[in-house]
Amino acid sequence: MCRAPERRVRDRASATRRSFLVLLLVLAIGLFPPLSVNAGSWVVASAYREDKVT
């Protein structure tokens, strides 16, 4: 009896977190494609630079 509300709260929290992540993903893909491309190219360039230095 004491365990049921706990599970319900946890399910609600996980559902809100999942919907928030999906919303964030949709926003990142739909609204900022150039930003994501710039971030990806910057990450690749920094990784390549680090490999070149080492």
PDB file of N, CA and C in Angstrom:
ATOM      1  N   MET A   1       0.827  -1.209   0.000  1.00  0.00           N
ATOM      2  CA  MET A   1       0.000   0.000   0.000  1.00  0.00           C
ATOM      3  C   MET A   1       0.867   1.267   0.000  1.00  0.00           C
ATOM      4  N   CYS A   2       1.959   1.214   0.716  1.00  0.00           N
ATOM      5  CA  CYS A   2       2.832   2.393   0.773  1.00  0.00           C
ATOM      6  C   CYS A   2       3.664   2.536  -0.498  1.00  0.00           C
ATOM      7  N   ARG A   3       3.782   1.452  -1.257  1.00  0.00           N
ATOM      8  CA  ARG A   3       4.655   1.495  -2.426  1.00  0.00           C
ATOM      9  C   ARG A   3       3.961   2.099  -3.652  1.00  0.00           C
ATOM     10  N   ALA A   4       2.639   2.036  -3.720  1.00  0.00           N
ATOM     11  CA  ALA A   4       1.927   2.469  -4.925  1.00  0.00           C
ATOM     12  C   ALA A   4       2.124   3.962  -5.240  1.00  0.00           C
ATOM     13  N   PRO A   5       1.941   4.872  -4.284  1.00  0.00           N
ATOM     14  CA  PRO A   5       2.120   6.298  -4.609  1.00  0.00           C
ATOM     15  C   PRO A   5       3.547   6.593  -5.059  1.00  0.00           C
ATOM     16  N   GLU A   6       4.517   5.911  -4.457  1.00  0.00           N
ATOM     17  CA  GLU A   6       5.905   6.117  -4.839  1.00  0.00           C
ATOM     18  C   GLU A   6       6.098   5.801  -6.318  1.00  0.00           C
ATOM     19  N   ARG A   7       5.564   4.654  -6.733  1.00  0.00           N
ATOM     20  CA  ARG A   7       5.716   4.246  -8.126  1.00  0.00           C
ATOM     21  C   ARG A   7       5.016   5.242  -9.052  1.00  0.00           C
ATOM     22  N   ARG A   8       3.835   5.720  -8.629  1.00  0.00           N
ATOM     23  CA  ARG A   8       3.094   6.654  -9.471  1.00  0.00           C
ATOM     24  C   ARG A   8       3.894   7.950  -9.648  1.00  0.00           C
ATOM     25  N   VAL A   9       4.462   8.444  -8.565  1.00  0.00           N
ATOM     26  CA  VAL A   9       5.243   9.682  -8.654  1.00  0.00           C
ATOM     27  C   VAL A   9       6.454   9.474  -9.552  1.00  0.00           C
ATOM     28  N   ARG A  10       7.098   8.324  -9.408  1.00  0.00           N
ATOM     29  CA  ARG A  10       8.280   8.061 -10.225  1.00  0.00           C
ATOM     30  C   ARG A  10       7.903   7.975 -11.703  1.00  0.00           C
ATOM     31  N   ASP A  11       6.761   7.329 -12.006  1.00  0.00           N
ATOM     32  CA  ASP A  11       6.327   7.230 -13.398  1.00  0.00           C
ATOM     33  C   ASP A  11       6.027   8.617 -13.967  1.00  0.00           C
ATOM     34  N   ARG A  12       5.377   9.456 -13.157  1.00  0.00           N
ATOM     35  CA  ARG A  12       5.051  10.790 -13.648  1.00  0.00           C
ATOM     36  C   ARG A  12       6.332  11.582 -13.910  1.00  0.00           C
ATOM     37  N   ALA A  13       7.313  11.461 -13.015  1.00  0.00           N
ATOM     38  CA  ALA A  13       8.568  12.192 -13.194  1.00  0.00           C
ATOM     39  C   ALA A  13       9.297  11.709 -14.440  1.00  0.00           C
ATOM     40  N   SER A  14       9.324  10.395 -14.648  1.00  0.00           N
ATOM     41  CA  SER A  14      10.018   9.867 -15.824  1.00  0.00           C
ATOM     42  C   SER A  14       9.288  10.292 -17.097  1.00  0.00           C
ATOM     43  N   ALA A  15       7.963  10.324 -17.057  1.00  0.00           N
ATOM     44  CA  ALA A  15       7.200  10.728 -18.240  1.00  0.00           C
ATOM     45  C   ALA A  15       7.461  12.196 -18.566  1.00  0.00           C
ATOM     46  N   THR A  16       7.488  13.055 -17.556  1.00  0.00           N
ATOM     47  CA  THR A  16       7.752  14.471 -17.813  1.00  0.00           C
ATOM     48  C   THR A  16       9.172  14.646 -18.326  1.00  0.00           C
ATOM     49  N   ARG A  17      10.107  13.888 -17.764  1.00  0.00           N
ATOM     50  CA  ARG A  17      11.486  13.998 -18.221  1.00  0.00           C
ATOM     51  C   ARG A  17      11.592  13.539 -19.679  1.00  0.00           C
ATOM     52  N   ARG A  18      10.876  12.453 -20.017  1.00  0.00           N
ATOM     53  CA  ARG A  18      10.941  11.932 -21.388  1.00  0.00           C
ATOM     54  C   ARG A  18      10.342  12.946 -22.364  1.00  0.00           C
ATOM     55  N   SER A  19       9.193  13.530 -21.994  1.00  0.00           N
ATOM     56  CA  SER A  19       8.564  14.498 -22.889  1.00  0.00           C
ATOM     57  C   SER A  19       9.444  15.738 -23.033  1.00  0.00           C
ATOM     58  N   PHE A  20      10.109  16.147 -21.946  1.00  0.00           N
ATOM     59  CA  PHE A  20      11.010  17.299 -22.008  1.00  0.00           C
ATOM     60  C   PHE A  20      12.189  17.007 -22.934  1.00  0.00           C
ATOM     61  N   LEU A  21      12.734  15.790 -22.848  1.00  0.00           N
ATOM     62  CA  LEU A  21      13.855  15.428 -23.720  1.00  0.00           C
ATOM     63  C   LEU A  21      13.414  15.405 -25.181  1.00  0.00           C
ATOM     64  N   VAL A  22      12.222  14.870 -25.431  1.00  0.00           N
ATOM     65  CA  VAL A  22      11.717  14.829 -26.808  1.00  0.00           C
ATOM     66  C   VAL A  22      11.502  16.242 -27.328  1.00  0.00           C
ATOM     67  N   LEU A  23      10.943  17.107 -26.487  1.00  0.00           N
ATOM     68  CA  LEU A  23      10.721  18.490 -26.900  1.00  0.00           C
ATOM     69  C   LEU A  23      12.046  19.182 -27.194  1.00  0.00           C
ATOM     70  N   LEU A  24      13.040  18.945 -26.336  1.00  0.00           N
ATOM     71  CA  LEU A  24      14.358  19.544 -26.539  1.00  0.00           C
ATOM     72  C   LEU A  24      14.970  19.050 -27.843  1.00  0.00           C
ATOM     73  N   LEU A  25      14.816  17.748 -28.116  1.00  0.00           N
ATOM     74  CA  LEU A  25      15.372  17.176 -29.348  1.00  0.00           C
ATOM     75  C   LEU A  25      14.690  17.782 -30.573  1.00  0.00           C
ATOM     76  N   VAL A  26      13.358  17.906 -30.512  1.00  0.00           N
ATOM     77  CA  VAL A  26      12.623  18.476 -31.649  1.00  0.00           C
ATOM     78  C   VAL A  26      13.034  19.929 -31.865  1.00  0.00           C
ATOM     79  N   LEU A  27      13.187  20.680 -30.781  1.00  0.00           N
ATOM     80  CA  LEU A  27      13.604  22.077 -30.911  1.00  0.00           C
ATOM     81  C   LEU A  27      14.999  22.164 -31.511  1.00  0.00           C
ATOM     82  N   ALA A  28      15.907  21.317 -31.029  1.00  0.00           N
ATOM     83  CA  ALA A  28      17.287  21.367 -31.514  1.00  0.00           C
ATOM     84  C   ALA A  28      17.355  21.007 -32.997  1.00  0.00           C
ATOM     85  N   ILE A  29      16.558  20.021 -33.415  1.00  0.00           N
ATOM     86  CA  ILE A  29      16.608  19.585 -34.817  1.00  0.00           C
ATOM     87  C   ILE A  29      15.833  20.552 -35.706  1.00  0.00           C
ATOM     88  N   GLY A  30      14.661  20.987 -35.240  1.00  0.00           N
ATOM     89  CA  GLY A  30      13.798  21.790 -36.094  1.00  0.00           C
ATOM     90  C   GLY A  30      14.205  23.249 -36.188  1.00  0.00           C
ATOM     91  N   LEU A  31      14.616  23.839 -35.066  1.00  0.00           N
ATOM     92  CA  LEU A  31      14.846  25.279 -35.055  1.00  0.00           C
ATOM     93  C   LEU A  31      16.304  25.649 -35.281  1.00  0.00           C
ATOM     94  N   PHE A  32      17.233  24.793 -34.871  1.00  0.00           N
ATOM     95  CA  PHE A  32      18.641  25.177 -34.947  1.00  0.00           C
ATOM     96  C   PHE A  32      19.480  24.172 -35.739  1.00  0.00           C
ATOM     97  N   PRO A  33      19.147  23.910 -37.004  1.00  0.00           N
ATOM     98  CA  PRO A  33      20.031  23.030 -37.769  1.00  0.00           C
ATOM     99  C   PRO A  33      21.412  23.645 -38.009  1.00  0.00           C
ATOM    100  N   PRO A  34      21.543  24.937 -38.334  1.00  0.00           N
ATOM    101  CA  PRO A  34      22.881  25.502 -38.531  1.00  0.00           C
ATOM    102  C   PRO A  34      23.682  25.487 -37.240  1.00  0.00           C
ATOM    103  N   LEU A  35      23.002  25.741 -36.121  1.00  0.00           N
ATOM    104  CA  LEU A  35      23.693  25.738 -34.835  1.00  0.00           C
ATOM    105  C   LEU A  35      24.230  24.348 -34.526  1.00  0.00           C
ATOM    106  N   SER A  36      23.404  23.323 -34.754  1.00  0.00           N
ATOM    107  CA  SER A  36      23.848  21.961 -34.469  1.00  0.00           C
ATOM    108  C   SER A  36      24.968  21.562 -35.422  1.00  0.00           C
ATOM    109  N   VAL A  37      24.875  21.994 -36.686  1.00  0.00           N
ATOM    110  CA  VAL A  37      25.940  21.675 -37.644  1.00  0.00           C
ATOM    111  C   VAL A  37      27.230  22.367 -37.227  1.00  0.00           C
ATOM    112  N   ASN A  38      27.126  23.632 -36.789  1.00  0.00           N
ATOM    113  CA  ASN A  38      28.317  24.344 -36.343  1.00  0.00           C
ATOM    114  C   ASN A  38      28.918  23.676 -35.119  1.00  0.00           C
ATOM    115  N   ALA A  39      28.059  23.242 -34.182  1.00  0.00           N
ATOM    116  CA  ALA A  39      28.553  22.577 -32.979  1.00  0.00           C
ATOM    117  C   ALA A  39      29.233  21.262 -33.344  1.00  0.00           C
ATOM    118  N   GLY A  40      28.620  20.497 -34.255  1.00  0.00           N
ATOM    119  CA  GLY A  40      29.217  19.222 -34.657  1.00  0.00           C
ATOM    120  C   GLY A  40      30.554  19.432 -35.344  1.00  0.00           C
ATOM    121  N   SER A  41      30.627  20.415 -36.242  1.00  0.00           N
ATOM    122  CA  SER A  41      31.887  20.663 -36.940  1.00  0.00           C
ATOM    123  C   SER A  41      32.945  21.168 -35.958  1.00  0.00           C
ATOM    124  N   TRP A  42      32.526  21.973 -34.954  1.00  0.00           N
ATOM    125  CA  TRP A  42      33.475  22.468 -33.962  1.00  0.00           C
ATOM    126  C   TRP A  42      34.017  21.325 -33.122  1.00  0.00           C
ATOM    127  N   VAL A  43      33.129  20.380 -32.757  1.00  0.00           N
ATOM    128  CA  VAL A  43      33.567  19.222 -31.976  1.00  0.00           C
ATOM    129  C   VAL A  43      34.543  18.385 -32.796  1.00  0.00           C
ATOM    130  N   VAL A  44      34.217  18.177 -34.075  1.00  0.00           N
ATOM    131  CA  VAL A  44      35.110  17.381 -34.934  1.00  0.00           C
ATOM    132  C   VAL A  44      36.446  18.092 -35.099  1.00  0.00           C
ATOM    133  N   ALA A  45      36.405  19.416 -35.296  1.00  0.00           N
ATOM    134  CA  ALA A  45      37.644  20.166 -35.492  1.00  0.00           C
ATOM    135  C   ALA A  45      38.497  20.149 -34.226  1.00  0.00           C
ATOM    136  N   SER A  46      37.862  20.305 -33.061  1.00  0.00           N
ATOM    137  CA  SER A  46      38.628  20.290 -31.810  1.00  0.00           C
ATOM    138  C   SER A  46      39.220  18.910 -31.568  1.00  0.00           C
ATOM    139  N   ALA A  47      38.454  17.853 -31.861  1.00  0.00           N
ATOM    140  CA  ALA A  47      38.976  16.493 -31.685  1.00  0.00           C
ATOM    141  C   ALA A  47      40.136  16.255 -32.648  1.00  0.00           C
ATOM    142  N   TYR A  48      39.998  16.728 -33.887  1.00  0.00           N
ATOM    143  CA  TYR A  48      41.066  16.553 -34.873  1.00  0.00           C
ATOM    144  C   TYR A  48      42.307  17.321 -34.437  1.00  0.00           C
ATOM    145  N   ARG A  49      42.106  18.530 -33.903  1.00  0.00           N
ATOM    146  CA  ARG A  49      43.221  19.344 -33.443  1.00  0.00           C
ATOM    147  C   ARG A  49      43.932  18.645 -32.283  1.00  0.00           C
ATOM    148  N   GLU A  50      43.144  18.081 -31.355  1.00  0.00           N
ATOM    149  CA  GLU A  50      43.747  17.375 -30.224  1.00  0.00           C
ATOM    150  C   GLU A  50      44.540  16.166 -30.715  1.00  0.00           C
ATOM    151  N   ASP A  51      43.984  15.438 -31.692  1.00  0.00           N
ATOM    152  CA  ASP A  51      44.712  14.287 -32.237  1.00  0.00           C
ATOM    153  C   ASP A  51      45.997  14.746 -32.927  1.00  0.00           C
ATOM    154  N   LYS A  52      45.936  15.872 -33.616  1.00  0.00           N
ATOM    155  CA  LYS A  52      47.111  16.376 -34.320  1.00  0.00           C
ATOM    156  C   LYS A  52      48.191  16.780 -33.319  1.00  0.00           C
ATOM    157  N   VAL A  53      47.780  17.420 -32.213  1.00  0.00           N
ATOM    158  CA  VAL A  53      48.752  17.861 -31.210  1.00  0.00           C
ATOM    159  C   VAL A  53      49.392  16.654 -30.544  1.00  0.00           C
ATOM    160  N   THR A  54      48.621  15.614 -30.264  1.00  0.00           N
ATOM    161  CA  THR A  54      49.181  14.461 -29.553  1.00  0.00           C
ATOM    162  C   THR A  54      49.824  13.452 -30.452  1.00  0.00           C
TER     163      THR A  54
END
